[in-house]
Amino acid sequence: MGRIATVCGAAGVLVLLAGCTAGVDGAGPPAPTPDSSHVDTATDRSTPTAPIGTIGSGTFTSDDGVTGTVRFDSDGQLLTLSLHDLVLPRQTQVEAMAAVQPVPAGQTCFDSGPRMNFGPAGAGTSAQDGQELRFVGGDPTAIDQVILTTPYGLAVDGDCLATIVASADIEWTFAPLRPNLRATDSGETGGARGIVETRDGASVAYVVAPGDLIEEVAARLGITVDDIGYLNTVRLPEPQQAVLHDGERLNLLVADR
C-alpha cells in the first residue's frame, strides 16, 4: 500500500472516541474501559472513514525529464487527483492512472493489473476526474503510485498499449483505516472449500474453489464480505454482488491490499 507520511490527528481522535465512555454526574462511576488486548477484531465493526481535504501527495520521477507533483483530495465520498506544475518534454498528453500495486522497477508498459483511471492530462496544473472512494473500500491508502502513461494506442513500444512516462510514489497523511483486520481460517465449509495460504502462521490469501460463495468464504475466515472488498480494493468494488471464480486469489493482508 502507499507510504504513510504522518498520522493525522483526526484519525487519532476517532480511535480515542471509539474506546471511551461518557460519565454523567450522579450516575455512578463510568464503565471500565475494555482491555484492547482482548478485542475481537473479527466482530469489531466500527468503520472509520478517510479524512477530508488533502490526504496524499507525490513527486514524479522519469528518465526523460518529466517533472511535477500529484495530490489527492477527498470530500468524504469522492477521491480527486490533481497534477501540479507538470512538465512533459516529449508528450502533449498523458493518462493519469492510480496503481494499487507497485509497478516493478524497469517496467515500461502499464497494460494490466488493478488500477484506477483518472483520465487524460496535459502539461501544467489540472484537476482530473474523481473516483468514488467506495472503489477502494473507502480507504485510498491502497494506492501505491500514480503512473503517467502515453494514451492507449499511442505507445512507444508496438507490443505495449500504454508506455509508462513517469511515476510518483504516494505518501498518505493517515494510516490504513482497518489496521487490526485479521483473517482466521475456521475450516472448510460447503460454500467455502478453497485453500487458505499462510505465512508465518498468518492467513495471507484465499484461493477460490468451484462453487464458493463470498458470504461463506467471509464466514469461514471470520471477517465480513465488506472486509473482503476492503482487502481487494479495485478487484471487488461491489463485494456484496461479487461472483467468485475458480482459482481466483483473494488477498487477506491489510499490508498487501
Protein backbone atom coordinates (compact mmCIF):
# COMPACT_ATOMS: atom_id res chain seq x y z
CA MET A 1 0.00 0.00 0.00
CA GLY A 2 1.06 3.64 -0.23
CA ARG A 3 3.58 5.03 2.26
CA ILE A 4 2.46 6.99 5.31
CA ALA A 5 3.86 10.47 5.73
CA THR A 6 2.29 11.31 9.10
CA VAL A 7 -0.70 10.01 11.02
CA CYS A 8 -3.22 12.83 11.16
CA GLY A 9 -4.77 13.99 14.39
CA ALA A 10 -8.31 13.35 13.18
CA ALA A 11 -7.65 9.63 12.89
CA GLY A 12 -6.24 9.57 16.42
CA VAL A 13 -9.38 11.28 17.72
CA LEU A 14 -11.54 8.61 16.15
CA VAL A 15 -9.57 5.89 17.90
CA LEU A 16 -9.88 7.61 21.25
CA LEU A 17 -13.59 8.21 20.89
CA ALA A 18 -14.21 4.60 19.98
CA GLY A 19 -12.68 3.43 23.25
CA CYS A 20 -14.27 5.96 25.64
CA THR A 21 -17.50 6.09 27.65
CA ALA A 22 -19.09 9.30 28.86
CA GLY A 23 -19.51 9.84 32.59
CA VAL A 24 -22.64 11.58 33.92
CA ASP A 25 -22.67 13.39 37.30
CA GLY A 26 -24.65 11.43 39.83
CA ALA A 27 -24.90 8.38 37.60
CA GLY A 28 -22.17 6.42 39.36
CA PRO A 29 -18.68 5.57 38.17
CA PRO A 30 -18.07 5.20 34.43
CA ALA A 31 -17.96 1.74 32.95
CA PRO A 32 -14.44 0.24 32.84
CA THR A 33 -12.56 0.63 29.59
CA PRO A 34 -12.29 -2.73 27.81
CA ASP A 35 -8.84 -4.31 27.61
CA SER A 36 -7.84 -3.67 23.98
CA SER A 37 -5.67 -6.81 24.01
CA HIS A 38 -8.86 -8.89 24.16
CA VAL A 39 -10.83 -7.05 21.45
CA ASP A 40 -12.22 -9.47 18.87
CA THR A 41 -11.19 -7.72 15.67
CA ALA A 42 -13.38 -10.02 13.61
CA THR A 43 -16.51 -8.71 15.35
CA ASP A 44 -15.41 -5.10 15.89
CA ARG A 45 -17.41 -3.47 13.12
CA SER A 46 -16.74 0.22 13.72
CA THR A 47 -15.62 1.59 10.35
CA PRO A 48 -13.54 4.79 10.40
CA THR A 49 -13.53 6.99 7.33
CA ALA A 50 -10.79 8.75 5.39
CA PRO A 51 -10.06 12.37 6.38
CA ILE A 52 -11.45 15.24 4.31
CA GLY A 53 -9.12 17.63 2.47
CA THR A 54 -5.67 16.98 1.03
CA ILE A 55 -4.76 13.44 2.07
CA GLY A 56 -1.93 12.28 -0.20
CA SER A 57 0.82 13.55 -2.49
CA GLY A 58 3.86 12.56 -4.52
CA THR A 59 6.56 13.81 -6.91
CA PHE A 60 7.04 12.44 -10.40
CA THR A 61 10.29 10.84 -11.49
CA SER A 62 11.24 9.75 -15.01
CA ASP A 63 14.16 9.11 -17.33
CA ASP A 64 13.20 11.75 -19.89
CA GLY A 65 12.72 14.96 -17.92
CA VAL A 66 9.09 14.72 -16.80
CA THR A 67 8.63 16.74 -13.61
CA GLY A 68 5.73 17.83 -11.42
CA THR A 69 3.70 16.72 -8.44
CA VAL A 70 0.42 14.94 -7.79
CA ARG A 71 -2.09 15.47 -4.99
CA PHE A 72 -5.13 13.57 -3.73
CA ASP A 73 -8.09 15.34 -2.10
CA SER A 74 -11.24 13.86 -0.56
CA ASP A 75 -14.66 15.25 0.30
CA GLY A 76 -15.62 12.04 2.11
CA GLN A 77 -17.13 10.36 -0.95
CA LEU A 78 -15.06 11.38 -3.96
CA LEU A 79 -11.30 10.99 -4.39
CA THR A 80 -9.89 13.70 -6.68
CA LEU A 81 -6.44 13.63 -8.27
CA SER A 82 -4.76 16.87 -9.33
CA LEU A 83 -1.49 17.44 -11.18
CA HIS A 84 0.70 20.46 -10.44
CA ASP A 85 3.46 22.10 -12.49
CA LEU A 86 3.58 19.13 -14.84
CA VAL A 87 6.33 19.34 -17.48
CA LEU A 88 6.14 16.92 -20.43
CA PRO A 89 9.21 17.35 -22.69
CA ARG A 90 8.20 14.65 -25.19
CA GLN A 91 4.40 14.36 -24.88
CA THR A 92 1.46 16.67 -25.34
CA GLN A 93 -0.92 14.46 -23.37
CA VAL A 94 -0.75 11.61 -20.88
CA GLU A 95 -3.16 9.35 -19.00
CA ALA A 96 -3.14 9.52 -15.18
CA MET A 97 -3.50 6.12 -13.52
CA ALA A 98 -3.51 5.14 -9.86
CA ALA A 99 -1.77 1.81 -9.25
CA VAL A 100 -2.86 -0.28 -6.27
CA GLN A 101 0.24 -2.46 -6.58
CA PRO A 102 3.76 -1.02 -7.03
CA VAL A 103 5.00 -1.16 -10.62
CA PRO A 104 8.31 -3.07 -10.73
CA ALA A 105 11.42 -1.01 -11.45
CA GLY A 106 12.29 -1.11 -15.14
CA GLN A 107 8.76 -1.96 -16.30
CA THR A 108 7.89 0.08 -19.38
CA CYS A 109 4.27 -0.96 -20.01
CA PHE A 110 1.20 -0.43 -17.86
CA ASP A 111 -1.30 -2.60 -19.69
CA SER A 112 -2.69 -4.83 -16.97
CA GLY A 113 -3.28 -5.21 -13.26
CA PRO A 114 -5.65 -3.36 -10.94
CA ARG A 115 -5.66 0.41 -11.40
CA MET A 116 -7.93 3.48 -11.36
CA ASN A 117 -8.05 5.70 -14.44
CA PHE A 118 -8.27 9.43 -13.70
CA GLY A 119 -8.33 10.44 -17.37
CA PRO A 120 -6.14 12.43 -19.76
CA ALA A 121 -3.93 15.36 -18.77
CA GLY A 122 -1.57 17.85 -20.38
CA ALA A 123 1.29 19.98 -19.13
CA GLY A 124 0.64 22.48 -16.36
CA THR A 125 -1.75 22.21 -13.42
CA SER A 126 -5.09 20.49 -13.65
CA ALA A 127 -7.66 18.51 -11.66
CA GLN A 128 -8.52 15.10 -13.06
CA ASP A 129 -11.70 13.05 -12.96
CA GLY A 130 -12.81 11.99 -9.48
CA GLN A 131 -13.29 8.38 -8.41
CA GLU A 132 -15.66 7.22 -5.69
CA LEU A 133 -13.89 6.17 -2.51
CA ARG A 134 -16.03 3.03 -2.33
CA PHE A 135 -13.97 1.64 -5.22
CA VAL A 136 -11.04 1.37 -2.79
CA GLY A 137 -13.12 0.19 0.16
CA GLY A 138 -13.38 3.77 1.43
CA ASP A 139 -9.64 3.81 2.10
CA PRO A 140 -7.31 5.14 -0.64
CA THR A 141 -4.11 4.12 1.19
CA ALA A 142 -4.24 1.04 -1.05
CA ILE A 143 -2.92 3.27 -3.85
CA ASP A 144 0.86 3.00 -4.02
CA GLN A 145 1.70 5.09 -7.07
CA VAL A 146 0.34 7.40 -9.71
CA ILE A 147 1.53 6.38 -13.16
CA LEU A 148 1.53 8.68 -16.19
CA THR A 149 1.32 6.78 -19.47
CA THR A 150 1.02 7.56 -23.15
CA PRO A 151 -2.63 7.49 -24.30
CA TYR A 152 -3.82 3.99 -25.14
CA GLY A 153 -2.89 3.02 -28.66
CA LEU A 154 -0.05 5.55 -28.86
CA ALA A 155 2.59 3.56 -27.00
CA VAL A 156 6.24 3.83 -27.99
CA ASP A 157 6.61 0.05 -28.00
CA GLY A 158 4.43 -1.70 -30.58
CA ASP A 159 3.81 -4.60 -28.18
CA CYS A 160 2.57 -2.23 -25.47
CA LEU A 161 -0.79 -0.47 -25.22
CA ALA A 162 0.37 2.24 -22.81
CA THR A 163 4.02 3.18 -22.21
CA ILE A 164 4.96 4.46 -18.74
CA VAL A 165 6.05 8.10 -18.95
CA ALA A 166 6.63 8.85 -15.24
CA SER A 167 5.64 7.58 -11.79
CA ALA A 168 5.13 9.08 -8.33
CA ASP A 169 5.17 7.19 -5.04
CA ILE A 170 2.26 8.39 -2.89
CA GLU A 171 2.63 9.39 0.74
CA TRP A 172 -0.61 9.44 2.73
CA THR A 173 -1.38 11.63 5.74
CA PHE A 174 -3.04 8.76 7.62
CA ALA A 175 -2.57 5.06 8.29
CA PRO A 176 -4.78 2.30 6.82
CA LEU A 177 -8.25 2.51 8.38
CA ARG A 178 -8.54 -1.15 9.38
CA PRO A 179 -5.08 -1.96 10.79
CA ASN A 180 -6.34 -4.74 13.06
CA LEU A 181 -8.21 -6.66 10.38
CA ARG A 182 -7.14 -10.31 10.52
CA ALA A 183 -8.49 -13.39 8.74
CA THR A 184 -8.59 -16.62 10.75
CA ASP A 185 -9.39 -19.90 9.00
CA SER A 186 -12.07 -21.92 10.81
CA GLY A 187 -12.05 -24.74 8.29
CA GLU A 188 -13.69 -25.80 5.04
CA THR A 189 -17.46 -25.49 4.64
CA GLY A 190 -19.91 -26.34 1.84
CA GLY A 191 -19.64 -22.95 0.18
CA ALA A 192 -16.01 -22.27 1.12
CA ARG A 193 -13.86 -25.19 0.00
CA GLY A 194 -10.87 -23.19 -1.20
CA ILE A 195 -7.29 -23.19 0.05
CA VAL A 196 -6.07 -20.69 2.64
CA GLU A 197 -2.43 -19.70 2.09
CA THR A 198 -0.46 -18.94 5.24
CA ARG A 199 2.86 -17.28 6.03
CA ASP A 200 4.43 -17.24 9.50
CA GLY A 201 1.15 -18.50 10.92
CA ALA A 202 -0.97 -15.74 9.35
CA SER A 203 -3.63 -16.22 6.67
CA VAL A 204 -2.38 -14.24 3.67
CA ALA A 205 -4.59 -15.33 0.75
CA TYR A 206 -7.58 -17.47 -0.18
CA VAL A 207 -7.72 -19.43 -3.45
CA VAL A 208 -11.32 -19.85 -4.58
CA ALA A 209 -12.71 -23.34 -5.27
CA PRO A 210 -15.59 -24.17 -7.65
CA GLY A 211 -18.95 -23.25 -6.13
CA ASP A 212 -17.53 -20.97 -3.42
CA LEU A 213 -19.82 -18.19 -2.21
CA ILE A 214 -18.34 -14.92 -0.96
CA GLU A 215 -20.62 -14.88 2.11
CA GLU A 216 -19.45 -18.34 3.17
CA VAL A 217 -15.81 -17.56 2.42
CA ALA A 218 -16.07 -14.49 4.68
CA ALA A 219 -17.72 -16.54 7.44
CA ARG A 220 -15.02 -19.20 7.22
CA LEU A 221 -12.33 -16.52 7.60
CA GLY A 222 -14.06 -14.73 10.48
CA ILE A 223 -14.45 -11.47 8.56
CA THR A 224 -17.25 -9.77 6.60
CA VAL A 225 -17.96 -9.56 2.88
CA ASP A 226 -17.18 -5.85 3.16
CA ASP A 227 -13.79 -6.74 4.67
CA ILE A 228 -13.02 -8.93 1.66
CA GLY A 229 -13.84 -5.98 -0.60
CA TYR A 230 -11.63 -3.71 1.51
CA LEU A 231 -8.71 -6.13 1.26
CA ASN A 232 -9.09 -6.49 -2.51
CA THR A 233 -9.91 -2.85 -3.39
CA VAL A 234 -10.40 -2.28 -7.13
CA ARG A 235 -10.70 -6.02 -7.72
CA LEU A 236 -14.02 -6.16 -5.86
CA PRO A 237 -15.58 -2.68 -5.98
CA GLU A 238 -19.03 -4.17 -5.25
CA PRO A 239 -18.23 -7.06 -2.85
CA GLN A 240 -21.88 -7.67 -1.95
CA GLN A 241 -22.54 -8.53 -5.62
CA ALA A 242 -19.25 -10.32 -6.31
CA VAL A 243 -19.23 -13.69 -8.05
CA LEU A 244 -16.11 -15.65 -7.21
CA HIS A 245 -14.26 -17.57 -9.91
CA ASP A 246 -12.45 -20.90 -9.62
CA GLY A 247 -8.76 -20.25 -8.96
CA GLU A 248 -9.23 -16.58 -8.09
CA ARG A 249 -6.79 -15.46 -5.38
CA LEU A 250 -8.15 -13.16 -2.70
CA ASN A 251 -5.72 -11.10 -0.64
CA LEU A 252 -6.16 -11.35 3.15
CA LEU A 253 -3.48 -8.92 4.41
CA VAL A 254 -4.02 -5.20 5.02
CA ALA A 255 -0.37 -4.61 4.09
CA ASP A 256 -0.90 -6.17 0.64
CA ARG A 257 -4.21 -4.57 -0.30
